Amino acid sequence: MQETELSPSESFIEFIGDKKCSTILADPPWQFTNKTGKMAPEHKRLSRYTTLSLQEIKEIPVSIAVRDPAHLYLWIPNALLSYG
């Protein structure tokens, strides 16, 4: 029987379980185009890990893992700052 690969959201849900956090530090595997027009960090020379699109990252249900109140520290590459 073939196992299907979990989506990033499903993987997060499986990982977090019923844990609740007051602080979350997130450094998602962003996929973006840098100033030279190369896909970063997926350029052949920089290929180190699988990345996620902005939409895939936005779909990760972080809210299920937080207490009230909570805060999030989110690393974002400069190339994506204009997306808010």
N, C-alpha and C. Protein backbone atom coordinates (compact mmCIF):
# COMPACT_ATOMS: atom_id res chain seq x y z
N MET A 1 0.84 -1.18 0.00
CA MET A 1 0.00 0.00 0.00
C MET A 1 0.89 1.24 0.00
N GLN A 2 0.58 2.17 -0.87
CA GLN A 2 1.38 3.38 -1.01
C GLN A 2 0.90 4.46 -0.04
N GLU A 3 1.85 5.04 0.69
CA GLU A 3 1.50 6.14 1.59
C GLU A 3 1.55 7.45 0.81
N THR A 4 0.59 8.32 1.06
CA THR A 4 0.62 9.62 0.40
C THR A 4 1.41 10.59 1.25
N GLU A 5 2.10 11.48 0.59
CA GLU A 5 2.89 12.49 1.29
C GLU A 5 1.96 13.53 1.90
N LEU A 6 2.25 13.92 3.12
CA LEU A 6 1.43 14.92 3.80
C LEU A 6 1.69 16.30 3.21
N SER A 7 0.65 17.11 3.16
CA SER A 7 0.81 18.51 2.76
C SER A 7 1.52 19.23 3.91
N PRO A 8 2.06 20.42 3.66
CA PRO A 8 2.68 21.18 4.76
C PRO A 8 1.71 21.40 5.93
N SER A 9 0.45 21.69 5.62
CA SER A 9 -0.54 21.90 6.69
C SER A 9 -0.78 20.63 7.48
N GLU A 10 -0.93 19.51 6.79
CA GLU A 10 -1.15 18.23 7.47
C GLU A 10 0.06 17.84 8.32
N SER A 11 1.23 18.10 7.79
CA SER A 11 2.46 17.80 8.52
C SER A 11 2.54 18.62 9.81
N PHE A 12 2.17 19.90 9.73
CA PHE A 12 2.17 20.77 10.91
C PHE A 12 1.18 20.26 11.95
N ILE A 13 -0.02 19.91 11.50
CA ILE A 13 -1.06 19.42 12.41
C ILE A 13 -0.58 18.15 13.12
N GLU A 14 0.04 17.25 12.36
CA GLU A 14 0.55 16.01 12.95
C GLU A 14 1.67 16.30 13.96
N PHE A 15 2.55 17.22 13.61
CA PHE A 15 3.67 17.57 14.49
C PHE A 15 3.21 18.23 15.78
N ILE A 16 2.29 19.19 15.67
CA ILE A 16 1.92 20.00 16.84
C ILE A 16 1.00 19.23 17.79
N GLY A 17 0.20 18.32 17.26
CA GLY A 17 -0.70 17.54 18.12
C GLY A 17 -1.61 18.45 18.91
N ASP A 18 -1.66 18.26 20.23
CA ASP A 18 -2.51 19.11 21.07
C ASP A 18 -1.72 20.15 21.85
N LYS A 19 -0.46 20.37 21.44
CA LYS A 19 0.37 21.37 22.13
C LYS A 19 -0.17 22.78 21.87
N LYS A 20 -0.02 23.65 22.86
CA LYS A 20 -0.38 25.07 22.72
C LYS A 20 0.82 25.90 23.18
N CYS A 21 1.14 26.92 22.43
CA CYS A 21 2.33 27.74 22.68
C CYS A 21 1.95 29.20 22.92
N SER A 22 2.73 29.86 23.74
CA SER A 22 2.58 31.30 23.94
C SER A 22 3.46 32.08 22.98
N THR A 23 4.55 31.45 22.55
CA THR A 23 5.49 32.07 21.63
C THR A 23 5.81 31.09 20.50
N ILE A 24 5.76 31.59 19.28
CA ILE A 24 6.16 30.78 18.13
C ILE A 24 7.21 31.55 17.36
N LEU A 25 8.32 30.89 17.10
CA LEU A 25 9.39 31.42 16.27
C LEU A 25 9.36 30.61 14.98
N ALA A 26 9.06 31.25 13.86
CA ALA A 26 8.90 30.53 12.59
C ALA A 26 9.87 31.04 11.54
N ASP A 27 10.51 30.11 10.88
CA ASP A 27 11.41 30.40 9.76
C ASP A 27 11.03 29.44 8.64
N PRO A 28 9.90 29.71 7.98
CA PRO A 28 9.42 28.78 6.96
C PRO A 28 10.37 28.69 5.76
N PRO A 29 10.30 27.60 5.02
CA PRO A 29 11.16 27.44 3.84
C PRO A 29 10.60 28.21 2.65
N TRP A 30 10.72 29.53 2.70
CA TRP A 30 10.17 30.43 1.68
C TRP A 30 10.70 30.11 0.28
N GLN A 31 9.84 30.27 -0.71
CA GLN A 31 10.23 30.19 -2.11
C GLN A 31 10.02 31.59 -2.69
N PHE A 32 11.04 32.14 -3.32
CA PHE A 32 10.91 33.50 -3.85
C PHE A 32 11.93 33.72 -4.95
N THR A 33 11.71 34.78 -5.71
CA THR A 33 12.65 35.17 -6.76
C THR A 33 13.49 36.32 -6.23
N ASN A 34 14.82 36.19 -6.33
CA ASN A 34 15.68 37.25 -5.81
C ASN A 34 15.87 38.36 -6.86
N LYS A 35 16.66 39.36 -6.52
CA LYS A 35 16.85 40.52 -7.40
C LYS A 35 17.44 40.16 -8.75
N THR A 36 18.17 39.06 -8.82
CA THR A 36 18.78 38.66 -10.09
C THR A 36 17.83 37.83 -10.95
N GLY A 37 16.63 37.58 -10.43
CA GLY A 37 15.64 36.81 -11.17
C GLY A 37 15.73 35.31 -10.96
N LYS A 38 16.63 34.88 -10.10
CA LYS A 38 16.79 33.46 -9.83
C LYS A 38 15.83 33.04 -8.73
N MET A 39 15.33 31.82 -8.85
CA MET A 39 14.47 31.28 -7.81
C MET A 39 15.35 30.95 -6.61
N ALA A 40 15.09 31.59 -5.51
CA ALA A 40 15.91 31.38 -4.32
C ALA A 40 15.08 30.70 -3.25
N PRO A 41 15.59 29.82 -2.49
CA PRO A 41 16.94 29.25 -2.55
C PRO A 41 17.01 28.00 -3.41
N GLU A 42 16.14 27.86 -4.41
CA GLU A 42 16.11 26.65 -5.22
C GLU A 42 17.04 26.68 -6.42
N HIS A 43 17.77 27.76 -6.58
CA HIS A 43 18.74 27.81 -7.67
C HIS A 43 19.64 26.58 -7.52
N LYS A 44 20.01 25.96 -8.63
CA LYS A 44 20.79 24.71 -8.58
C LYS A 44 21.95 24.78 -7.60
N ARG A 45 22.65 25.87 -7.61
CA ARG A 45 23.82 26.04 -6.75
C ARG A 45 23.43 26.10 -5.27
N LEU A 46 22.20 26.51 -4.98
CA LEU A 46 21.78 26.71 -3.60
C LEU A 46 20.79 25.65 -3.11
N SER A 47 20.53 24.65 -3.93
CA SER A 47 19.51 23.66 -3.59
C SER A 47 19.89 22.90 -2.32
N ARG A 48 19.21 23.23 -1.23
CA ARG A 48 19.50 22.61 0.06
C ARG A 48 18.28 21.91 0.65
N TYR A 49 17.09 22.40 0.32
CA TYR A 49 15.87 21.86 0.91
C TYR A 49 14.69 22.26 0.04
N THR A 50 13.59 21.57 0.23
CA THR A 50 12.36 21.87 -0.49
C THR A 50 11.74 23.14 0.10
N THR A 51 11.26 24.00 -0.77
CA THR A 51 10.65 25.25 -0.30
C THR A 51 9.14 25.22 -0.51
N LEU A 52 8.46 26.19 0.10
CA LEU A 52 7.01 26.31 -0.02
C LEU A 52 6.66 27.65 -0.63
N SER A 53 5.59 27.67 -1.39
CA SER A 53 5.10 28.93 -1.95
C SER A 53 4.49 29.77 -0.83
N LEU A 54 4.30 31.03 -1.10
CA LEU A 54 3.67 31.92 -0.12
C LEU A 54 2.29 31.37 0.26
N GLN A 55 1.52 30.91 -0.72
CA GLN A 55 0.19 30.37 -0.44
C GLN A 55 0.26 29.14 0.46
N GLU A 56 1.20 28.24 0.22
CA GLU A 56 1.34 27.05 1.06
C GLU A 56 1.69 27.44 2.50
N ILE A 57 2.53 28.43 2.67
CA ILE A 57 2.89 28.89 4.02
C ILE A 57 1.68 29.52 4.70
N LYS A 58 0.92 30.32 3.96
CA LYS A 58 -0.27 30.96 4.53
C LYS A 58 -1.32 29.95 4.96
N GLU A 59 -1.34 28.78 4.33
CA GLU A 59 -2.33 27.75 4.64
C GLU A 59 -1.99 26.92 5.88
N ILE A 60 -0.78 27.06 6.41
CA ILE A 60 -0.41 26.30 7.61
C ILE A 60 -1.20 26.86 8.80
N PRO A 61 -1.99 26.03 9.47
CA PRO A 61 -2.91 26.51 10.51
C PRO A 61 -2.22 26.78 11.86
N VAL A 62 -1.38 27.79 11.88
CA VAL A 62 -0.63 28.12 13.09
C VAL A 62 -1.57 28.43 14.26
N SER A 63 -2.73 28.97 13.98
CA SER A 63 -3.66 29.37 15.04
C SER A 63 -4.09 28.21 15.93
N ILE A 64 -4.01 26.98 15.44
CA ILE A 64 -4.41 25.84 16.28
C ILE A 64 -3.37 25.54 17.36
N ALA A 65 -2.19 26.15 17.25
CA ALA A 65 -1.09 25.83 18.16
C ALA A 65 -0.82 26.93 19.18
N VAL A 66 -1.67 27.95 19.24
CA VAL A 66 -1.36 29.07 20.12
C VAL A 66 -2.35 29.20 21.28
N ARG A 67 -1.79 29.70 22.38
CA ARG A 67 -2.62 30.08 23.53
C ARG A 67 -3.14 31.48 23.29
N ASP A 68 -4.00 31.93 24.16
CA ASP A 68 -4.50 33.30 24.07
C ASP A 68 -4.15 34.00 25.37
N PRO A 69 -3.28 34.99 25.38
CA PRO A 69 -2.62 35.63 24.24
C PRO A 69 -1.35 34.87 23.82
N ALA A 70 -0.88 35.20 22.63
CA ALA A 70 0.35 34.61 22.11
C ALA A 70 0.99 35.60 21.14
N HIS A 71 2.24 35.34 20.80
CA HIS A 71 2.89 36.18 19.79
C HIS A 71 3.75 35.31 18.90
N LEU A 72 3.96 35.80 17.67
CA LEU A 72 4.69 35.07 16.64
C LEU A 72 5.85 35.92 16.15
N TYR A 73 7.02 35.31 16.09
CA TYR A 73 8.19 35.93 15.47
C TYR A 73 8.38 35.20 14.15
N LEU A 74 8.20 35.91 13.05
CA LEU A 74 8.23 35.29 11.73
C LEU A 74 9.36 35.87 10.90
N TRP A 75 10.31 35.02 10.53
CA TRP A 75 11.39 35.46 9.64
C TRP A 75 10.83 35.48 8.23
N ILE A 76 11.18 36.55 7.49
CA ILE A 76 10.74 36.67 6.10
C ILE A 76 11.88 37.27 5.30
N PRO A 77 12.14 36.76 4.10
CA PRO A 77 13.22 37.33 3.28
C PRO A 77 12.83 38.72 2.76
N ASN A 78 13.81 39.57 2.59
CA ASN A 78 13.56 40.93 2.09
C ASN A 78 12.74 40.93 0.81
N ALA A 79 12.97 39.95 -0.05
CA ALA A 79 12.27 39.89 -1.34
C ALA A 79 10.76 39.76 -1.19
N LEU A 80 10.27 39.37 -0.02
CA LEU A 80 8.83 39.17 0.19
C LEU A 80 8.20 40.22 1.10
N LEU A 81 8.95 41.19 1.57
CA LEU A 81 8.40 42.20 2.48
C LEU A 81 7.22 42.95 1.88
N SER A 82 7.22 43.15 0.59
CA SER A 82 6.13 43.90 -0.05
C SER A 82 4.80 43.15 -0.01
N TYR A 83 4.80 41.87 0.34
CA TYR A 83 3.56 41.10 0.43
C TYR A 83 2.88 41.26 1.78
N GLY A 84 3.50 42.02 2.68
CA GLY A 84 2.88 42.32 3.96
C GLY A 84 3.17 41.31 4.99
